[in-house]
Protein backbone atom coordinates (compact mmCIF):
# COMPACT_ATOMS: atom_id res chain seq x y z
CA UNK A 1 67.88 57.46 114.99
CA UNK A 2 68.63 56.16 111.52
CA UNK A 3 65.73 56.56 109.19
CA UNK A 4 65.24 55.26 105.69
CA UNK A 5 63.31 57.93 103.85
CA UNK A 6 61.84 55.79 101.07
CA UNK A 7 58.32 55.72 102.50
CA UNK A 8 58.51 59.33 103.68
CA UNK A 9 59.66 60.50 100.28
CA UNK A 10 56.83 58.64 98.59
CA UNK A 11 54.44 60.79 100.62
CA UNK A 12 56.00 63.93 99.18
CA UNK A 13 57.42 67.12 100.62
CA UNK A 14 55.43 70.30 100.73
CA UNK A 15 57.73 73.14 99.74
CA UNK A 16 57.34 76.74 98.75
CA UNK A 17 57.58 77.58 95.05
CA UNK A 18 61.11 78.91 95.55
CA UNK A 19 62.47 75.50 96.58
CA UNK A 20 64.65 73.80 93.98
CA UNK A 21 64.26 70.04 93.37
CA UNK A 22 67.44 68.17 94.15
CA UNK A 23 68.92 64.74 94.84
CA UNK A 24 71.30 63.22 97.37
CA UNK A 25 74.53 62.00 95.72
CA UNK A 26 74.99 59.29 98.35
CA UNK A 27 73.72 58.29 101.77
CA UNK A 28 73.97 61.54 103.69
CA UNK A 29 73.01 62.80 107.13
CA UNK A 30 70.30 65.42 107.41
CA UNK A 31 71.59 67.67 110.22
CA UNK A 32 69.84 70.09 112.58
CA UNK A 33 72.22 72.86 111.53
CA UNK A 34 74.92 73.67 108.98
CA UNK A 35 77.77 71.52 110.24
CA UNK A 36 78.66 68.02 111.40
CA UNK A 37 78.61 69.11 115.06
CA UNK A 38 74.81 69.46 114.91
CA UNK A 39 72.65 66.43 115.72
CA UNK A 40 71.57 64.07 112.97
CA UNK A 41 67.87 64.35 112.17
CA UNK A 42 67.77 61.44 109.70
CA UNK A 43 69.74 59.74 106.94
CA UNK A 44 68.78 60.47 103.33
CA UNK A 45 69.44 57.61 100.92
CA UNK A 46 71.53 57.90 97.76
CA UNK A 47 69.49 59.27 94.85
CA UNK A 48 66.60 60.34 97.08
CA UNK A 49 64.71 63.41 95.86
CA UNK A 50 64.62 66.45 98.12
CA UNK A 51 63.80 70.15 98.05
CA UNK A 52 66.60 72.71 98.36
CA UNK A 53 65.36 75.88 100.07
CA UNK A 54 68.69 77.69 99.98
CA UNK A 55 72.37 77.43 100.85
CA UNK A 56 74.87 79.34 102.95
CA UNK A 57 77.19 81.63 101.02
CA UNK A 58 79.62 79.35 99.18
CA UNK A 59 77.01 76.57 98.87
CA UNK A 60 78.86 74.42 101.41
CA UNK A 61 75.69 73.72 103.51
CA UNK A 62 72.11 73.79 102.26
CA UNK A 63 68.71 73.91 103.97
CA UNK A 64 66.65 71.03 102.55
CA UNK A 65 63.41 69.16 103.02
CA UNK A 66 63.11 65.39 102.62
CA UNK A 67 60.50 62.91 103.74
CA UNK A 68 58.53 65.58 105.57
CA UNK A 69 61.59 66.64 107.57
CA UNK A 70 63.70 69.77 107.40
CA UNK A 71 67.44 70.11 107.97
CA UNK A 72 70.88 70.84 106.56
CA UNK A 73 73.00 68.78 104.16
CA UNK A 74 76.54 69.40 102.97
CA UNK A 75 76.33 71.00 99.52
CA UNK A 76 78.87 68.52 98.17
CA UNK A 77 76.23 65.77 98.56
CA UNK A 78 73.54 67.63 96.62
CA UNK A 79 72.72 67.56 92.92
CA UNK A 80 70.24 69.38 90.71
CA UNK A 81 68.85 68.29 87.32
CA UNK A 82 70.21 70.86 84.86
CA UNK A 83 70.24 70.64 81.05
CA UNK A 84 69.57 66.90 81.02
CA UNK A 85 72.12 65.88 83.67
CA UNK A 86 72.62 66.10 87.40
CA UNK A 87 75.08 68.77 88.52
CA UNK A 88 76.62 69.52 91.92
CA UNK A 89 75.10 72.39 93.87
CA UNK A 90 78.40 74.05 94.93
CA UNK A 91 79.41 74.42 91.28
CA UNK A 92 76.02 75.23 89.71
CA UNK A 93 74.10 76.81 92.61
CA UNK A 94 74.63 80.41 91.42
CA UNK A 95 73.80 79.52 87.80
CA UNK A 96 70.53 77.76 88.61
CA UNK A 97 69.47 80.38 91.14
CA UNK A 98 69.60 78.52 94.46
CA UNK A 99 69.16 81.35 96.99
CA UNK A 100 71.72 82.27 99.62
CA UNK A 101 70.23 81.93 103.12
CA UNK A 102 71.42 82.39 106.69
CA UNK A 103 70.99 80.15 109.71
CA UNK A 104 69.15 81.61 112.71
CA UNK A 105 69.56 78.95 115.38
CA UNK A 106 66.68 79.93 117.67
CA UNK A 107 64.10 80.49 114.94
CA UNK A 108 65.05 77.39 112.93
CA UNK A 109 65.18 75.03 115.91
CA UNK A 110 61.99 76.45 117.38
CA UNK A 111 60.17 75.89 114.11
CA UNK A 112 61.44 72.41 113.19
CA UNK A 113 62.86 70.61 116.22
CA UNK A 114 60.80 71.47 119.30
CA UNK A 115 60.13 68.22 121.13
CA UNK A 116 63.21 66.39 119.82
CA UNK A 117 65.34 64.82 122.60
CA UNK A 118 68.31 67.04 121.76
CA UNK A 119 66.28 70.28 121.52
CA UNK A 120 66.67 71.54 125.11
CA UNK A 121 70.46 71.83 125.61
CA UNK A 122 70.76 74.90 123.33
CA UNK A 123 74.18 75.89 124.67
CA UNK A 124 75.60 72.53 123.57
CA UNK A 125 74.56 73.11 119.96
CA UNK A 126 75.48 76.76 119.55
CA UNK A 127 72.42 78.68 120.64
CA UNK A 128 71.95 80.76 123.74
CA UNK A 129 70.98 78.83 126.85
CA UNK A 130 67.43 79.27 128.08
CA UNK A 131 67.04 81.90 130.82
CA UNK A 132 67.06 80.62 134.38
CA UNK A 133 66.58 82.15 137.81
CA UNK A 134 69.84 82.23 139.74
CA UNK A 135 68.45 83.54 143.00
CA UNK A 136 67.32 86.67 144.76
CA UNK A 137 69.50 88.59 147.18
CA UNK A 138 67.61 90.46 149.87
CA UNK A 139 69.43 93.18 151.77
CA UNK A 140 67.82 94.89 154.76
CA UNK A 141 68.23 98.64 154.93
CA UNK A 142 71.45 99.53 156.71
CA UNK A 143 72.79 95.96 156.72
CA UNK A 144 75.44 95.14 154.09
CA UNK A 145 75.21 91.83 152.37
């Protein structure tokens, strides 16, 4: 579902104090995980403000909030206002103090994506499949199965 975030961004994003304000460098997909194989949550428009909660080591993928949604954006599409200009997160992330975070599939998806149409097939997206009952084998005493 493509989603223009102009109205959502006007409503604001609630973020913890540790989130860094950032901007999208171009139209970019907000993903449900750190990689293009994860489903698209929304599209963030060029120049849109967002909150950067942290990035994977190397700053190649960052956990962000935009328009009341949460997801992952490639670090190369993220900027931060630093010393009067916008700088790219992969280059300036360590200098401006963007924290290094990890991605815990089950916790993250359970918190932000429960109820989405693509939430259930965990094994398709990299998480463990939900447990399921395979069957029960009953063996009578003295009778091999």
